[in-house]
Structure formats: structure tokens, C-alpha cells
Amino acid sequence: MGVTPGPDKYGHAVAQGSLKGLHMYAVIKTGGKQYRVAAGEKIKVEQIAADVGQEVVIEQVLAVGSGADLKVGAPWVAGASVTATVLAQGKHDKVRIFKMRRRKHYQKHGGHRQTFTELQISSING
């Protein structure tokens, strides 16, 4: 089976008939949300209690894939984990909240800044 390059749906060149060069990815769950991650990516997730520079291991892996292979857990993939390094702890931009009742002389101002943890994905095991 020969390897012939062909574009994917985004126009990127992809080698067809071979899994060489395709990267492993995983779908993880943290903070009540699901993220698709690959090694080397940076993601912002809901705040995790960890220090900057510390390594965290995420055991809640819903799926692991590499090219055409895909392992889906029920609910978690057995033995799979994602290792990440904490890059920063911070807060997102402020979300402004303004409530008003017309003709009633009622105005209320508020705001909220959600905390986050920025992670660098080191490796995907499984």
C-alpha cells in the first residue's frame, strides 16, 4: 500500500494509508468539562490545586486516539492517563453583569473573574 499525500478537510497535507506521523490525542475530563489534548499543547482548565511547575496526572481519560485507532472508555479508558505541567494560575477577563428594570430606578452592577490553571500537556499514556 503506497503512501500518497492528500488534503484533509482543512486543506492540510496528510499521508494516507500510513499512521506514521500522526500524533496521539486524548479526551480528558477536568473541572466538569471535556478537552481534546495532544502532547505539547497548552490548555486553560478550571482551577486545579497545584503549584506552578508541579506535574499533575489526569486519570479521567474518556478516549485515546492515534490516527484511525480510537479507544473509548465506559466511562474511563482503563490504564490511561495524561501527564501535564502547571504553567500558571490566573484569572480570566472580567465578565460584566448589569441588571436594570426600566422605569423603576433600579440598576445593579456586578462582575466576575473565573480562575484558571494553564497546563502544558507532557505525555499521553494508554
C-alpha atoms as a PDB file:
ATOM      1  CA  MET A   1       0.000   0.000   0.000  1.00  0.00           C
ATOM      2  CA  GLY A   2       1.663   3.209  -1.159  1.00  0.00           C
ATOM      3  CA  VAL A   3       1.652   6.453   0.737  1.00  0.00           C
ATOM      4  CA  THR A   4       0.027   9.234  -1.229  1.00  0.00           C
ATOM      5  CA  PRO A   5      -0.378  12.679   0.283  1.00  0.00           C
ATOM      6  CA  GLY A   6      -3.828  14.168   0.207  1.00  0.00           C
ATOM      7  CA  PRO A   7      -5.545  17.135   1.843  1.00  0.00           C
ATOM      8  CA  ASP A   8      -7.783  16.723   4.859  1.00  0.00           C
ATOM      9  CA  LYS A   9     -10.974  18.762   5.312  1.00  0.00           C
ATOM     10  CA  TYR A  10      -8.884  21.797   6.374  1.00  0.00           C
ATOM     11  CA  GLY A  11      -6.549  21.623   3.351  1.00  0.00           C
ATOM     12  CA  HIS A  12      -3.553  20.231   5.267  1.00  0.00           C
ATOM     13  CA  ALA A  13      -1.434  17.548   3.599  1.00  0.00           C
ATOM     14  CA  VAL A  14      -1.980  14.128   5.192  1.00  0.00           C
ATOM     15  CA  ALA A  15      -0.276  10.856   4.326  1.00  0.00           C
ATOM     16  CA  GLN A  16      -2.972   8.306   3.523  1.00  0.00           C
ATOM     17  CA  GLY A  17      -2.521   4.583   4.056  1.00  0.00           C
ATOM     18  CA  SER A  18       0.004   5.080   6.845  1.00  0.00           C
ATOM     19  CA  LEU A  19      -0.229   6.011  10.513  1.00  0.00           C
ATOM     20  CA  LYS A  20       3.340   7.338  10.533  1.00  0.00           C
ATOM     21  CA  GLY A  21       3.484  10.982  11.580  1.00  0.00           C
ATOM     22  CA  LEU A  22       0.036  11.001  13.185  1.00  0.00           C
ATOM     23  CA  HIS A  23       0.024  12.152  16.776  1.00  0.00           C
ATOM     24  CA  MET A  24      -1.720  10.575  19.729  1.00  0.00           C
ATOM     25  CA  TYR A  25      -4.535  12.556  21.302  1.00  0.00           C
ATOM     26  CA  ALA A  26      -6.838  12.090  24.272  1.00  0.00           C
ATOM     27  CA  VAL A  27     -10.157  13.405  25.509  1.00  0.00           C
ATOM     28  CA  ILE A  28      -9.912  14.241  29.211  1.00  0.00           C
ATOM     29  CA  LYS A  29     -12.392  15.453  31.784  1.00  0.00           C
ATOM     30  CA  THR A  30     -11.419  18.008  34.410  1.00  0.00           C
ATOM     31  CA  GLY A  31     -13.423  20.695  36.145  1.00  0.00           C
ATOM     32  CA  GLY A  32     -16.688  19.340  34.744  1.00  0.00           C
ATOM     33  CA  LYS A  33     -15.587  19.971  31.145  1.00  0.00           C
ATOM     34  CA  GLN A  34     -14.055  17.830  28.417  1.00  0.00           C
ATOM     35  CA  TYR A  35     -10.920  18.760  26.481  1.00  0.00           C
ATOM     36  CA  ARG A  36      -9.235  17.181  23.444  1.00  0.00           C
ATOM     37  CA  VAL A  37      -5.490  17.321  24.088  1.00  0.00           C
ATOM     38  CA  ALA A  38      -2.263  16.233  22.424  1.00  0.00           C
ATOM     39  CA  ALA A  39       1.309  16.212  23.729  1.00  0.00           C
ATOM     40  CA  GLY A  40       2.912  19.652  23.658  1.00  0.00           C
ATOM     41  CA  GLU A  41      -0.354  21.622  23.763  1.00  0.00           C
ATOM     42  CA  LYS A  42      -1.179  24.356  26.260  1.00  0.00           C
ATOM     43  CA  ILE A  43      -4.724  24.480  27.652  1.00  0.00           C
ATOM     44  CA  LYS A  44      -6.566  26.539  30.249  1.00  0.00           C
ATOM     45  CA  VAL A  45      -8.762  24.482  32.562  1.00  0.00           C
ATOM     46  CA  GLU A  46     -10.792  25.200  35.677  1.00  0.00           C
ATOM     47  CA  GLN A  47      -8.542  25.834  38.668  1.00  0.00           C
ATOM     48  CA  ILE A  48      -6.578  22.840  39.990  1.00  0.00           C
ATOM     49  CA  ALA A  49      -4.991  22.940  43.452  1.00  0.00           C
ATOM     50  CA  ALA A  50      -1.355  22.639  42.340  1.00  0.00           C
ATOM     51  CA  ASP A  51       1.743  24.842  42.431  1.00  0.00           C
ATOM     52  CA  VAL A  52       3.359  26.347  39.349  1.00  0.00           C
ATOM     53  CA  GLY A  53       5.914  23.910  37.927  1.00  0.00           C
ATOM     54  CA  GLN A  54       4.268  20.881  39.569  1.00  0.00           C
ATOM     55  CA  GLU A  55       3.333  17.864  37.464  1.00  0.00           C
ATOM     56  CA  VAL A  56      -0.277  16.690  37.608  1.00  0.00           C
ATOM     57  CA  VAL A  57      -1.650  13.373  36.386  1.00  0.00           C
ATOM     58  CA  ILE A  58      -5.187  13.353  34.998  1.00  0.00           C
ATOM     59  CA  GLU A  59      -6.724   9.881  35.337  1.00  0.00           C
ATOM     60  CA  GLN A  60     -10.152  10.744  33.900  1.00  0.00           C
ATOM     61  CA  VAL A  61      -9.483   9.903  30.244  1.00  0.00           C
ATOM     62  CA  LEU A  62     -12.612   9.325  28.151  1.00  0.00           C
ATOM     63  CA  ALA A  63     -10.904   8.400  24.874  1.00  0.00           C
ATOM     64  CA  VAL A  64      -7.434   7.865  23.432  1.00  0.00           C
ATOM     65  CA  GLY A  65      -6.791   8.008  19.704  1.00  0.00           C
ATOM     66  CA  SER A  66      -3.965   7.801  17.223  1.00  0.00           C
ATOM     67  CA  GLY A  67      -4.856   8.081  13.557  1.00  0.00           C
ATOM     68  CA  ALA A  68      -7.552   5.522  12.779  1.00  0.00           C
ATOM     69  CA  ASP A  69      -7.250   3.821  16.206  1.00  0.00           C
ATOM     70  CA  LEU A  70      -9.621   5.010  18.901  1.00  0.00           C
ATOM     71  CA  LYS A  71     -10.122   3.556  22.375  1.00  0.00           C
ATOM     72  CA  VAL A  72     -13.286   4.765  24.084  1.00  0.00           C
ATOM     73  CA  GLY A  73     -13.829   4.112  27.773  1.00  0.00           C
ATOM     74  CA  ALA A  74     -17.018   3.310  29.636  1.00  0.00           C
ATOM     75  CA  PRO A  75     -16.721   5.811  31.286  1.00  0.00           C
ATOM     76  CA  TRP A  76     -12.871   5.883  31.535  1.00  0.00           C
ATOM     77  CA  VAL A  77     -10.193   4.171  29.439  1.00  0.00           C
ATOM     78  CA  ALA A  78      -8.549   1.546  31.673  1.00  0.00           C
ATOM     79  CA  GLY A  79      -4.909   2.330  32.454  1.00  0.00           C
ATOM     80  CA  ALA A  80      -4.866   5.605  30.507  1.00  0.00           C
ATOM     81  CA  SER A  81      -3.592   8.867  31.961  1.00  0.00           C
ATOM     82  CA  VAL A  82      -2.420  12.278  30.820  1.00  0.00           C
ATOM     83  CA  THR A  83       0.581  13.976  32.431  1.00  0.00           C
ATOM     84  CA  ALA A  84       0.748  17.778  32.431  1.00  0.00           C
ATOM     85  CA  THR A  85       2.863  20.523  33.973  1.00  0.00           C
ATOM     86  CA  VAL A  86       1.265  23.567  35.612  1.00  0.00           C
ATOM     87  CA  LEU A  87       2.465  26.712  33.815  1.00  0.00           C
ATOM     88  CA  ALA A  88       0.380  29.368  35.559  1.00  0.00           C
ATOM     89  CA  GLN A  89      -2.538  30.095  37.861  1.00  0.00           C
ATOM     90  CA  GLY A  90      -4.644  33.117  36.983  1.00  0.00           C
ATOM     91  CA  LYS A  91      -7.974  34.762  36.348  1.00  0.00           C
ATOM     92  CA  HIS A  92      -9.821  35.268  33.064  1.00  0.00           C
ATOM     93  CA  ASP A  93     -11.025  38.691  31.943  1.00  0.00           C
ATOM     94  CA  LYS A  94     -13.854  40.191  33.938  1.00  0.00           C
ATOM     95  CA  VAL A  95     -17.400  39.379  32.855  1.00  0.00           C
ATOM     96  CA  ARG A  96     -19.546  42.469  33.419  1.00  0.00           C
ATOM     97  CA  ILE A  97     -23.038  41.957  34.830  1.00  0.00           C
ATOM     98  CA  PHE A  98     -25.617  44.741  34.524  1.00  0.00           C
ATOM     99  CA  LYS A  99     -29.190  44.366  35.675  1.00  0.00           C
ATOM    100  CA  MET A 100     -31.835  47.008  35.120  1.00  0.00           C
ATOM    101  CA  ARG A 101     -35.582  47.409  35.498  1.00  0.00           C
ATOM    102  CA  ARG A 102     -36.858  50.078  33.197  1.00  0.00           C
ATOM    103  CA  ARG A 103     -38.830  52.978  34.731  1.00  0.00           C
ATOM    104  CA  LYS A 104     -38.216  51.644  38.285  1.00  0.00           C
ATOM    105  CA  HIS A 105     -34.924  53.438  39.067  1.00  0.00           C
ATOM    106  CA  TYR A 106     -33.196  50.074  39.590  1.00  0.00           C
ATOM    107  CA  GLN A 107     -29.697  49.428  38.300  1.00  0.00           C
ATOM    108  CA  LYS A 108     -27.283  46.840  39.620  1.00  0.00           C
ATOM    109  CA  HIS A 109     -23.656  46.427  38.560  1.00  0.00           C
ATOM    110  CA  GLY A 110     -21.527  43.373  39.200  1.00  0.00           C
ATOM    111  CA  GLY A 111     -18.703  41.358  37.797  1.00  0.00           C
ATOM    112  CA  HIS A 112     -16.963  38.004  37.938  1.00  0.00           C
ATOM    113  CA  ARG A 113     -13.456  36.745  37.167  1.00  0.00           C
ATOM    114  CA  GLN A 114     -13.177  32.981  36.780  1.00  0.00           C
ATOM    115  CA  THR A 115      -9.940  31.373  37.966  1.00  0.00           C
ATOM    116  CA  PHE A 116      -7.981  29.037  35.698  1.00  0.00           C
ATOM    117  CA  THR A 117      -4.923  26.807  35.615  1.00  0.00           C
ATOM    118  CA  GLU A 118      -2.784  26.769  32.471  1.00  0.00           C
ATOM    119  CA  LEU A 119      -1.372  23.322  31.680  1.00  0.00           C
ATOM    120  CA  GLN A 120       1.322  22.106  29.276  1.00  0.00           C
ATOM    121  CA  ILE A 121       0.494  18.540  28.214  1.00  0.00           C
ATOM    122  CA  SER A 122       3.658  16.421  28.615  1.00  0.00           C
ATOM    123  CA  SER A 123       2.567  12.930  27.660  1.00  0.00           C
ATOM    124  CA  ILE A 124      -0.391  10.676  26.990  1.00  0.00           C
ATOM    125  CA  ASN A 125      -0.181   7.135  28.384  1.00  0.00           C
ATOM    126  CA  GLY A 126      -2.578   4.450  27.263  1.00  0.00           C
END
